[in-house]
Amino acid sequence: MTDSGLDILVFGAHPDDAEIGMGATIYKHTSAGLRVGICDLTQAEMSSNGDVETRRQEAEEASRILGLAKRTNLGLPDRGLYASKEHIDAITLEIRKHRPRIVMAPYWQDRHPDHVACSHLVKEAVFNAKLRRYLPQSEPVLVEKLLFYFINDVYEAGLVVDVGDVYDRKTAALSAYRSQFTAAGPENDYVATPLNQSYLTRVEQRDRLLGQKLSLTYAEGFVSLTPHEVNLFM
């Protein structure tokens, strides 16, 4: 993974957020030669199962499967993401470091408060990143597009990506997070959570249902706050 600029930078509150919401879209772009990176805001240290080192290893495996050019972790506190200057600045500097054309963040409505916080923090940082007098020690960056992906709760998608031909890569990347999505017995010190109770089956059903609306096998949906320009309706 090199340090040159990225075409797309995806932010998630925890390792596995980006894979749940848009893992197949990520691979579709990396396989087309685009440079895609993920920045996890936290190390998910409050997760009921697994630990920080396990999550780090799982994220590395998922990154290889998806062909990421870069994966970073800001080490912000899990269940402690707030609209503070410290957190906004950290994300702003990450955007300026990688200079992406497109930034992706979780949708602003979700049952997990960290996903909601991540959405708002990234939106603030994208705006600040272009201001030349904000953190003037770093060069400003104008992000061309900010898009939002769904994690737990799904709303109406304004943009849809056909991912039927690459969906197996999303499945493989999510399978890398064994500590989160694999049901295990009490001898392994695991507890039952929504994630290890057929959660991946529901994610697949969601993506299949969205694809069905356009006669596609699978699709991943996104939301844009600004109009999406096209040259021809064809």
Protein backbone atom coordinates (compact mmCIF):
# COMPACT_ATOMS: atom_id res chain seq x y z
CA MET A 1 0.00 0.00 0.00
CA THR A 2 1.62 3.24 -1.15
CA ASP A 3 1.16 6.84 -0.04
CA SER A 4 0.14 8.43 -3.35
CA GLY A 5 -3.29 9.98 -3.81
CA LEU A 6 -6.56 8.09 -3.82
CA ASP A 7 -9.50 8.19 -6.19
CA ILE A 8 -11.93 7.20 -3.44
CA LEU A 9 -11.56 7.39 0.34
CA VAL A 10 -14.17 5.51 2.38
CA PHE A 11 -14.65 6.37 6.05
CA GLY A 12 -16.18 4.02 8.60
CA ALA A 13 -16.55 4.23 12.36
CA HIS A 14 -15.27 0.65 12.79
CA PRO A 15 -13.38 -1.95 10.78
CA ASP A 16 -16.04 -3.80 8.74
CA ASP A 17 -18.44 -0.83 8.33
CA ALA A 18 -17.25 -0.04 4.81
CA GLU A 19 -17.34 -3.70 3.81
CA ILE A 20 -20.92 -4.10 5.04
CA GLY A 21 -22.14 -1.05 3.20
CA MET A 22 -20.16 -1.07 -0.03
CA GLY A 23 -17.62 -3.90 -0.13
CA ALA A 24 -18.60 -4.98 -3.64
CA THR A 25 -18.53 -1.42 -4.96
CA ILE A 26 -15.06 -1.00 -3.52
CA TYR A 27 -13.81 -4.09 -5.32
CA LYS A 28 -15.54 -3.10 -8.56
CA HIS A 29 -13.50 0.10 -8.54
CA THR A 30 -10.18 -1.40 -7.46
CA SER A 31 -10.49 -4.09 -10.13
CA ALA A 32 -11.02 -1.31 -12.67
CA GLY A 33 -7.68 0.21 -11.67
CA LEU A 34 -8.87 2.94 -9.32
CA ARG A 35 -7.09 3.61 -6.05
CA VAL A 36 -9.47 3.12 -3.13
CA GLY A 37 -8.68 3.48 0.55
CA ILE A 38 -10.54 2.95 3.81
CA CYS A 39 -10.05 4.98 6.97
CA ASP A 40 -11.51 3.42 10.11
CA LEU A 41 -12.06 6.05 12.79
CA THR A 42 -11.80 3.65 15.75
CA GLN A 43 -10.22 0.32 16.59
CA ALA A 44 -13.63 -1.02 17.70
CA GLU A 45 -12.26 -1.62 21.17
CA MET A 46 -15.77 -1.69 22.65
CA SER A 47 -16.91 -4.62 20.49
CA SER A 48 -18.55 -7.43 22.44
CA ASN A 49 -16.47 -10.07 20.61
CA GLY A 50 -12.89 -10.08 19.45
CA ASP A 51 -10.20 -7.60 20.45
CA VAL A 52 -8.24 -4.77 18.85
CA GLU A 53 -5.48 -7.00 17.48
CA THR A 54 -7.94 -9.50 16.06
CA ARG A 55 -9.90 -6.74 14.38
CA ARG A 56 -6.70 -5.30 12.94
CA GLN A 57 -5.73 -8.64 11.41
CA GLU A 58 -9.23 -9.18 10.04
CA ALA A 59 -9.23 -5.71 8.48
CA GLU A 60 -5.88 -6.45 6.81
CA GLU A 61 -7.26 -9.66 5.34
CA ALA A 62 -10.39 -7.89 4.08
CA SER A 63 -8.22 -5.15 2.59
CA ARG A 64 -6.25 -7.69 0.56
CA ILE A 65 -9.44 -9.30 -0.69
CA LEU A 66 -10.81 -5.95 -1.84
CA GLY A 67 -7.54 -4.77 -3.39
CA LEU A 68 -7.27 -1.60 -1.33
CA ALA A 69 -4.46 0.84 -2.03
CA LYS A 70 -4.50 2.09 1.58
CA ARG A 71 -6.12 1.37 4.92
CA THR A 72 -5.60 3.56 7.96
CA ASN A 73 -7.03 3.84 11.46
CA LEU A 74 -7.26 7.15 13.30
CA GLY A 75 -7.52 5.50 16.73
CA LEU A 76 -10.39 7.70 17.89
CA PRO A 77 -12.40 6.35 20.84
CA ASP A 78 -15.01 3.71 20.08
CA ARG A 79 -18.37 4.93 21.45
CA GLY A 80 -16.66 8.28 21.98
CA LEU A 81 -17.03 9.98 18.60
CA TYR A 82 -18.22 13.55 19.00
CA ALA A 83 -18.39 16.69 16.89
CA SER A 84 -15.25 18.03 18.53
CA LYS A 85 -12.57 20.07 16.78
CA GLU A 86 -10.05 17.35 17.59
CA HIS A 87 -12.03 14.67 15.78
CA ILE A 88 -12.97 16.89 12.83
CA ASP A 89 -9.36 18.00 12.41
CA ALA A 90 -8.08 14.42 12.40
CA ILE A 91 -10.46 13.52 9.56
CA THR A 92 -9.74 16.77 7.71
CA LEU A 93 -6.00 16.03 7.75
CA GLU A 94 -6.64 12.46 6.56
CA ILE A 95 -8.54 13.83 3.56
CA ARG A 96 -5.78 16.32 2.81
CA LYS A 97 -3.16 13.60 3.12
CA HIS A 98 -4.76 11.32 0.53
CA ARG A 99 -6.42 13.97 -1.68
CA PRO A 100 -9.35 11.80 -2.85
CA ARG A 101 -11.71 12.86 -5.62
CA ILE A 102 -14.61 11.10 -3.89
CA VAL A 103 -15.27 10.62 -0.18
CA MET A 104 -17.74 8.06 1.18
CA ALA A 105 -19.28 8.00 4.66
CA PRO A 106 -22.07 6.13 6.47
CA TYR A 107 -25.59 7.41 5.95
CA TRP A 108 -26.65 9.84 8.67
CA GLN A 109 -29.47 7.65 9.99
CA ASP A 110 -28.51 4.30 11.54
CA ARG A 111 -29.24 2.38 14.73
CA HIS A 112 -25.58 2.62 15.80
CA PRO A 113 -24.71 6.07 17.21
CA ASP A 114 -21.08 5.79 16.04
CA HIS A 115 -22.21 5.41 12.43
CA VAL A 116 -24.31 8.55 12.77
CA ALA A 117 -21.42 10.43 14.38
CA CYS A 118 -19.02 9.28 11.66
CA SER A 119 -21.41 10.58 9.00
CA HIS A 120 -21.58 14.04 10.52
CA LEU A 121 -17.85 14.24 11.27
CA VAL A 122 -16.90 13.36 7.70
CA LYS A 123 -19.36 15.88 6.29
CA GLU A 124 -17.79 18.60 8.45
CA ALA A 125 -14.27 17.53 7.50
CA VAL A 126 -15.00 17.49 3.76
CA PHE A 127 -16.18 21.08 4.02
CA ASN A 128 -13.20 22.17 6.13
CA ALA A 129 -10.68 20.40 3.89
CA LYS A 130 -11.19 22.96 1.12
CA LEU A 131 -10.69 26.05 3.32
CA ARG A 132 -7.18 27.37 2.81
CA ARG A 133 -7.11 29.17 6.15
CA TYR A 134 -8.28 26.11 8.10
CA LEU A 135 -5.28 24.18 9.44
CA PRO A 136 -3.04 26.26 7.13
CA GLN A 137 -0.04 24.00 7.75
CA SER A 138 -1.61 21.52 5.31
CA GLU A 139 -2.70 22.04 1.70
CA PRO A 140 -6.45 22.42 1.09
CA VAL A 141 -8.29 19.75 -0.89
CA LEU A 142 -11.55 20.15 -2.79
CA VAL A 143 -13.45 16.84 -2.72
CA GLU A 144 -15.50 16.47 -5.92
CA LYS A 145 -18.24 14.31 -4.42
CA LEU A 146 -19.40 13.19 -0.97
CA LEU A 147 -21.57 10.07 -1.02
CA PHE A 148 -23.19 8.10 1.79
CA TYR A 149 -23.59 4.32 2.09
CA PHE A 150 -25.93 2.25 4.26
CA ILE A 151 -24.82 -0.05 7.08
CA ASN A 152 -27.67 -1.29 9.30
CA ASP A 153 -30.68 0.78 8.35
CA VAL A 154 -31.56 1.23 4.69
CA TYR A 155 -33.36 4.21 3.20
CA GLU A 156 -34.13 5.25 -0.36
CA ALA A 157 -31.00 5.07 -2.50
CA GLY A 158 -30.55 7.81 -5.09
CA LEU A 159 -27.57 6.05 -6.68
CA VAL A 160 -27.23 2.33 -7.28
CA VAL A 161 -24.18 0.31 -8.34
CA ASP A 162 -24.62 -3.03 -10.11
CA VAL A 163 -22.35 -5.42 -8.18
CA GLY A 164 -23.68 -8.79 -9.27
CA ASP A 165 -20.48 -9.80 -11.03
CA VAL A 166 -18.26 -9.03 -8.02
CA TYR A 167 -20.51 -9.83 -5.08
CA ASP A 168 -18.45 -12.86 -4.11
CA ARG A 169 -15.62 -10.49 -3.14
CA LYS A 170 -17.88 -8.67 -0.70
CA THR A 171 -18.89 -12.00 0.80
CA ALA A 172 -15.24 -13.01 1.13
CA ALA A 173 -14.23 -9.69 2.69
CA LEU A 174 -17.01 -9.88 5.27
CA SER A 175 -16.10 -13.50 6.03
CA ALA A 176 -12.66 -12.23 7.07
CA TYR A 177 -14.29 -10.69 10.15
CA ARG A 178 -14.77 -14.03 11.87
CA SER A 179 -14.79 -12.50 15.35
CA GLN A 180 -17.87 -10.46 14.46
CA PHE A 181 -20.01 -12.54 12.16
CA THR A 182 -19.35 -16.15 13.22
CA ALA A 183 -21.57 -17.63 15.91
CA ALA A 184 -19.44 -19.45 18.48
CA GLY A 185 -20.06 -21.41 21.64
CA PRO A 186 -19.52 -20.11 25.18
CA GLU A 187 -16.23 -21.97 25.39
CA ASN A 188 -14.79 -19.29 23.10
CA ASP A 189 -15.96 -16.46 25.37
CA TYR A 190 -18.36 -15.16 22.71
CA VAL A 191 -21.69 -13.51 23.34
CA ALA A 192 -24.67 -13.41 21.02
CA THR A 193 -25.00 -10.11 19.17
CA PRO A 194 -27.04 -8.98 16.14
CA LEU A 195 -23.87 -9.41 14.07
CA ASN A 196 -23.46 -13.14 14.70
CA GLN A 197 -27.14 -14.01 14.38
CA SER A 198 -27.47 -14.38 10.58
CA TYR A 199 -26.53 -10.73 10.03
CA LEU A 200 -24.61 -11.41 6.81
CA THR A 201 -27.60 -13.27 5.41
CA ARG A 202 -29.71 -10.16 5.97
CA VAL A 203 -27.08 -7.95 4.31
CA GLU A 204 -27.10 -10.21 1.26
CA GLN A 205 -30.90 -10.19 1.16
CA ARG A 206 -30.87 -6.40 1.34
CA ASP A 207 -28.45 -6.11 -1.57
CA ARG A 208 -30.42 -8.65 -3.58
CA LEU A 209 -33.69 -6.81 -2.93
CA LEU A 210 -32.19 -3.49 -4.04
CA GLY A 211 -30.87 -5.13 -7.20
CA GLN A 212 -34.28 -6.61 -7.92
CA LYS A 213 -35.71 -3.12 -8.40
CA LEU A 214 -33.49 -2.75 -11.49
CA SER A 215 -33.51 -6.42 -12.57
CA LEU A 216 -30.00 -6.86 -11.19
CA THR A 217 -28.71 -9.78 -9.15
CA TYR A 218 -27.16 -7.58 -6.45
CA ALA A 219 -26.79 -3.83 -5.97
CA GLU A 220 -25.41 -1.44 -3.39
CA GLY A 221 -27.12 1.90 -2.81
CA PHE A 222 -25.84 5.38 -2.06
CA VAL A 223 -27.15 8.85 -1.30
CA SER A 224 -25.81 12.20 -2.48
CA LEU A 225 -26.61 15.56 -0.91
CA THR A 226 -25.99 17.30 -4.23
CA PRO A 227 -27.36 16.55 -7.72
CA HIS A 228 -25.56 13.86 -9.68
CA GLU A 229 -24.66 15.05 -13.17
CA VAL A 230 -25.03 12.86 -16.27
CA ASN A 231 -24.37 13.79 -19.89
CA LEU A 232 -26.93 11.50 -21.55
CA PHE A 233 -29.90 9.54 -20.23
CA MET A 234 -28.83 6.27 -21.76
